[in-house]
C-alpha atoms as a PDB file:
ATOM      1  CA  MET A   1      -0.271  -0.239   0.043  1.00  0.00           C
ATOM      2  CA  SER A   2       1.188   3.738  -1.238  1.00  0.00           C
ATOM      3  CA  THR A   3       1.363   6.361   1.502  1.00  0.00           C
ATOM      4  CA  LYS A   4       1.902  10.270   0.246  1.00  0.00           C
ATOM      5  CA  ILE A   5       2.173  12.948   2.734  1.00  0.00           C
ATOM      6  CA  LYS A   6       2.052  16.253   1.337  1.00  0.00           C
ATOM      7  CA  ILE A   7       5.575  17.599   2.405  1.00  0.00           C
ATOM      8  CA  LYS A   8       8.733  18.852   0.645  1.00  0.00           C
ATOM      9  CA  PRO A   9      11.416  16.155   1.202  1.00  0.00           C
ATOM     10  CA  LEU A  10      14.550  17.600   2.943  1.00  0.00           C
ATOM     11  CA  SER A  11      18.057  17.141   1.492  1.00  0.00           C
ATOM     12  CA  VAL A  12      20.699  15.354   3.393  1.00  0.00           C
ATOM     13  CA  ASN A  13      22.646  18.826   2.603  1.00  0.00           C
ATOM     14  CA  LYS A  14      20.062  20.932   4.776  1.00  0.00           C
ATOM     15  CA  CYS A  15      20.578  17.987   7.325  1.00  0.00           C
ATOM     16  CA  TRP A  16      24.069  19.542   8.786  1.00  0.00           C
ATOM     17  CA  GLN A  17      25.349  22.858   9.792  1.00  0.00           C
ATOM     18  CA  GLY A  18      28.630  24.329   8.600  1.00  0.00           C
ATOM     19  CA  LYS A  19      30.900  22.669   6.161  1.00  0.00           C
ATOM     20  CA  ARG A  20      31.306  18.666   6.292  1.00  0.00           C
ATOM     21  CA  PHE A  21      34.346  17.127   5.415  1.00  0.00           C
ATOM     22  CA  LYS A  22      35.648  13.784   4.333  1.00  0.00           C
ATOM     23  CA  THR A  23      37.438  11.553   6.792  1.00  0.00           C
ATOM     24  CA  LYS A  24      40.680   9.873   6.403  1.00  0.00           C
ATOM     25  CA  GLU A  25      39.043   6.612   6.281  1.00  0.00           C
ATOM     26  CA  TYR A  26      36.169   7.795   3.429  1.00  0.00           C
ATOM     27  CA  LYS A  27      39.481   9.946   1.592  1.00  0.00           C
ATOM     28  CA  ASN A  28      40.924   5.606   1.352  1.00  0.00           C
ATOM     29  CA  TYR A  29      37.573   4.188   0.181  1.00  0.00           C
ATOM     30  CA  GLU A  30      37.124   6.710  -1.883  1.00  0.00           C
ATOM     31  CA  LEU A  31      40.371   5.810  -3.754  1.00  0.00           C
ATOM     32  CA  LEU A  32      40.121   2.109  -3.308  1.00  0.00           C
ATOM     33  CA  VAL A  33      36.640   2.151  -5.048  1.00  0.00           C
ATOM     34  CA  LEU A  34      37.410   4.475  -7.373  1.00  0.00           C
ATOM     35  CA  HIS A  35      40.299   2.077  -8.220  1.00  0.00           C
ATOM     36  CA  LEU A  36      37.962  -1.039  -8.502  1.00  0.00           C
ATOM     37  CA  LEU A  37      35.543  -0.079 -10.572  1.00  0.00           C
ATOM     38  CA  PRO A  38      35.385  -1.391 -14.144  1.00  0.00           C
ATOM     39  CA  VAL A  39      35.103   0.728 -17.199  1.00  0.00           C
ATOM     40  CA  LEU A  40      31.724   1.572 -18.085  1.00  0.00           C
ATOM     41  CA  SER A  41      29.448   3.951 -20.484  1.00  0.00           C
ATOM     42  CA  VAL A  42      27.079   5.482 -18.389  1.00  0.00           C
ATOM     43  CA  PRO A  43      24.019   6.638 -20.708  1.00  0.00           C
ATOM     44  CA  HIS A  44      22.640  10.189 -20.881  1.00  0.00           C
ATOM     45  CA  GLY A  45      19.373  11.125 -19.809  1.00  0.00           C
ATOM     46  CA  ASN A  46      17.213   9.532 -16.835  1.00  0.00           C
ATOM     47  CA  LEU A  47      18.753   6.847 -15.054  1.00  0.00           C
ATOM     48  CA  ARG A  48      17.988   3.830 -12.859  1.00  0.00           C
ATOM     49  CA  LEU A  49      20.832   2.729 -10.243  1.00  0.00           C
ATOM     50  CA  ILE A  50      20.219  -0.495  -8.863  1.00  0.00           C
ATOM     51  CA  ILE A  51      22.093  -1.722  -5.736  1.00  0.00           C
ATOM     52  CA  GLN A  52      22.669  -4.729  -3.837  1.00  0.00           C
ATOM     53  CA  VAL A  53      25.046  -4.401  -0.967  1.00  0.00           C
ATOM     54  CA  GLY A  54      26.241  -7.580   0.899  1.00  0.00           C
ATOM     55  CA  MET A  55      26.801  -6.722   4.747  1.00  0.00           C
ATOM     56  CA  SER A  56      27.927  -8.853   7.499  1.00  0.00           C
ATOM     57  CA  ASN A  57      26.400  -6.641  10.331  1.00  0.00           C
ATOM     58  CA  SER A  58      22.399  -7.235   9.749  1.00  0.00           C
ATOM     59  CA  LEU A  59      21.995  -4.007  11.735  1.00  0.00           C
ATOM     60  CA  SER A  60      23.477  -1.434   9.179  1.00  0.00           C
ATOM     61  CA  ASP A  61      21.549   0.849   7.441  1.00  0.00           C
ATOM     62  CA  LEU A  62      21.314   0.086   3.720  1.00  0.00           C
ATOM     63  CA  ASP A  63      20.786   3.965   3.210  1.00  0.00           C
ATOM     64  CA  ASN A  64      23.783   4.982   4.868  1.00  0.00           C
ATOM     65  CA  VAL A  65      26.250   3.035   2.640  1.00  0.00           C
ATOM     66  CA  ILE A  66      24.475   4.435  -1.007  1.00  0.00           C
ATOM     67  CA  LYS A  67      25.524   8.264  -1.091  1.00  0.00           C
ATOM     68  CA  PRO A  68      28.875   8.004  -0.656  1.00  0.00           C
ATOM     69  CA  PHE A  69      29.022   4.846  -2.831  1.00  0.00           C
ATOM     70  CA  GLN A  70      26.762   6.649  -5.273  1.00  0.00           C
ATOM     71  CA  ASP A  71      29.192   9.801  -5.234  1.00  0.00           C
ATOM     72  CA  ILE A  72      32.062   7.695  -5.908  1.00  0.00           C
ATOM     73  CA  LEU A  73      30.160   6.238  -8.953  1.00  0.00           C
ATOM     74  CA  GLN A  74      29.620  10.006  -9.979  1.00  0.00           C
ATOM     75  CA  LYS A  75      32.823  11.003  -9.780  1.00  0.00           C
ATOM     76  CA  LYS A  76      34.357   7.949 -11.490  1.00  0.00           C
ATOM     77  CA  TYR A  77      31.646   7.953 -14.838  1.00  0.00           C
ATOM     78  CA  SER A  78      31.206  11.738 -14.751  1.00  0.00           C
ATOM     79  CA  PHE A  79      27.658  11.776 -14.726  1.00  0.00           C
ATOM     80  CA  ASN A  80      25.429  14.212 -11.884  1.00  0.00           C
ATOM     81  CA  ASP A  81      23.578  11.929  -9.840  1.00  0.00           C
ATOM     82  CA  LYS A  82      20.637  14.212 -10.701  1.00  0.00           C
ATOM     83  CA  ALA A  83      20.309  12.294 -13.499  1.00  0.00           C
ATOM     84  CA  ILE A  84      18.847   9.123 -11.019  1.00  0.00           C
ATOM     85  CA  HIS A  85      15.587   9.175 -11.610  1.00  0.00           C
ATOM     86  CA  GLU A  86      15.080   5.318  -9.963  1.00  0.00           C
ATOM     87  CA  LEU A  87      16.892   4.059  -7.307  1.00  0.00           C
ATOM     88  CA  ILE A  88      16.212   0.165  -6.727  1.00  0.00           C
ATOM     89  CA  MET A  89      18.442  -0.880  -2.911  1.00  0.00           C
ATOM     90  CA  LYS A  90      18.592  -4.532  -1.560  1.00  0.00           C
ATOM     91  CA  LYS A  91      20.413  -5.357   1.490  1.00  0.00           C
ATOM     92  CA  GLU A  92      21.769  -9.091   1.604  1.00  0.00           C
ATOM     93  CA  LYS A  93      23.099 -10.681   4.986  1.00  0.00           C
ATOM     94  CA  VAL A  94      26.221 -11.880   4.444  1.00  0.00           C
ATOM     95  CA  GLY A  95      29.384 -13.503   6.411  1.00  0.00           C
ATOM     96  CA  LYS A  96      32.177 -11.301   7.458  1.00  0.00           C
ATOM     97  CA  GLY A  97      35.006 -10.412   4.959  1.00  0.00           C
ATOM     98  CA  GLU A  98      32.081 -11.540   2.600  1.00  0.00           C
ATOM     99  CA  GLU A  99      30.840  -7.733   1.997  1.00  0.00           C
ATOM    100  CA  PHE A 100      30.184  -6.483  -1.399  1.00  0.00           C
ATOM    101  CA  ILE A 101      28.453  -3.941  -3.350  1.00  0.00           C
ATOM    102  CA  ASN A 102      26.867  -4.826  -6.576  1.00  0.00           C
ATOM    103  CA  PHE A 103      25.292  -2.082  -9.036  1.00  0.00           C
ATOM    104  CA  GLU A 104      24.016  -1.900 -12.528  1.00  0.00           C
ATOM    105  CA  ILE A 105      23.511   2.184 -13.862  1.00  0.00           C
ATOM    106  CA  GLU A 106      20.769   2.064 -16.769  1.00  0.00           C
ATOM    107  CA  LYS A 107      18.655   4.296 -18.902  1.00  0.00           C
ATOM    108  CA  ILE A 108      14.864   4.714 -18.541  1.00  0.00           C
END
């Protein structure tokens, strides 16, 4: 069942006061992910991003890992993430050391 509330969604950029800085851990993660990502061509136009995340901690919030990864995809593949009109996210419980991120970017 779908429920609609009439309110303007609040951007994460509006949730925090002052400048945010990347942590050393995030900078290292970004460099590693940029290195691991394959060469791909992202189509122009409205996009669908499908992400499946394997997490060893079932208490981890799925949405917390999506935005940093999405920002890295944007950087690697030179597209603006405002082109993402559909986002499909899935979380899978995996063993420690078996964590992963699987993704697809497609035109809709």
